Amino acid sequence: MKKPKRLDGKKKLIALTSKMEADMRSFCRNKGIESESELVRQAIAKYIYADYKNETSDRHVFKQIQDILSRCRLSISFK
């Protein structure tokens, strides 16, 4: 059995239902994910960075709209 990688972060205790634990083990096995901890890290990262990506994308769209409107000599500020 492979020795798990040591991480710098602190341990976090979370409560899971027995069904969720079984689903996680099964999902890890099917997707080739090393451990349940790795699955949790991936899931949290996807969740957090998806919001950040959407927010950044929205700002980019608003900036494009603002640029187009400024060429038309209209002034609108987005917050």
Protein backbone atom coordinates (compact mmCIF):
# COMPACT_ATOMS: atom_id res chain seq x y z
CA MET A 1 0.00 0.00 0.00
CA LYS A 2 1.27 3.48 -0.88
CA LYS A 3 2.19 5.76 1.96
CA PRO A 4 -0.06 8.87 1.82
CA LYS A 5 1.58 12.18 1.01
CA ARG A 6 2.14 14.49 3.95
CA LEU A 7 0.47 17.85 3.59
CA ASP A 8 1.22 21.13 5.32
CA GLY A 9 -2.41 21.91 6.16
CA LYS A 10 -4.15 21.20 9.42
CA LYS A 11 -6.56 18.31 9.75
CA LYS A 12 -10.26 19.15 9.56
CA LEU A 13 -12.93 16.94 11.07
CA ILE A 14 -16.17 16.71 9.16
CA ALA A 15 -19.21 14.56 9.80
CA LEU A 16 -20.45 12.37 6.95
CA THR A 17 -23.38 10.00 6.72
CA SER A 18 -22.57 6.32 6.26
CA LYS A 19 -24.10 6.47 2.77
CA MET A 20 -21.90 9.44 1.86
CA GLU A 21 -18.80 7.57 3.09
CA ALA A 22 -19.72 4.51 1.02
CA ASP A 23 -20.41 6.69 -2.03
CA MET A 24 -17.07 8.44 -1.60
CA ARG A 25 -15.14 5.15 -1.39
CA SER A 26 -16.92 3.85 -4.47
CA PHE A 27 -16.38 7.08 -6.41
CA CYS A 28 -12.66 7.13 -5.54
CA ARG A 29 -12.27 3.51 -6.63
CA ASN A 30 -14.11 4.13 -9.93
CA LYS A 31 -12.25 7.37 -10.75
CA GLY A 32 -8.81 6.24 -9.59
CA ILE A 33 -8.59 8.90 -6.90
CA GLU A 34 -5.94 7.98 -4.31
CA SER A 35 -7.91 8.73 -1.16
CA GLU A 36 -11.09 10.20 0.21
CA SER A 37 -9.05 13.17 1.43
CA GLU A 38 -7.90 13.84 -2.12
CA LEU A 39 -11.52 13.67 -3.31
CA VAL A 40 -12.56 16.21 -0.68
CA ARG A 41 -9.68 18.54 -1.65
CA GLN A 42 -10.61 18.29 -5.34
CA ALA A 43 -14.30 18.87 -4.62
CA ILE A 44 -13.63 21.92 -2.44
CA ALA A 45 -11.22 23.39 -5.00
CA LYS A 46 -13.72 22.89 -7.84
CA TYR A 47 -16.49 24.49 -5.80
CA ILE A 48 -14.46 27.51 -4.70
CA TYR A 49 -12.65 28.16 -7.98
CA ALA A 50 -15.84 27.73 -10.04
CA ASP A 51 -17.32 30.73 -8.21
CA TYR A 52 -14.11 32.70 -8.71
CA LYS A 53 -13.98 31.79 -12.41
CA ASN A 54 -17.62 32.85 -12.91
CA GLU A 55 -17.00 36.12 -11.08
CA THR A 56 -13.90 36.85 -13.17
CA SER A 57 -15.78 35.99 -16.35
CA ASP A 58 -18.66 38.31 -15.39
CA ARG A 59 -16.23 41.16 -14.72
CA HIS A 60 -14.63 40.59 -18.12
CA VAL A 61 -18.03 40.80 -19.85
CA PHE A 62 -18.93 43.97 -17.97
CA LYS A 63 -15.58 45.49 -18.91
CA GLN A 64 -16.24 44.68 -22.59
CA ILE A 65 -19.68 46.27 -22.38
CA GLN A 66 -18.21 49.30 -20.67
CA ASP A 67 -15.57 49.63 -23.43
CA ILE A 68 -18.20 49.43 -26.17
CA LEU A 69 -20.40 52.00 -24.47
CA SER A 70 -17.47 54.36 -23.93
CA ARG A 71 -16.84 54.29 -27.67
CA CYS A 72 -20.44 55.40 -28.10
CA ARG A 73 -19.79 58.27 -25.66
CA LEU A 74 -22.06 56.84 -23.00
CA SER A 75 -20.90 56.56 -19.45
CA ILE A 76 -22.13 53.69 -17.29
CA SER A 77 -20.34 52.27 -14.27
CA PHE A 78 -20.77 48.67 -13.13
CA LYS A 79 -20.14 47.73 -9.52
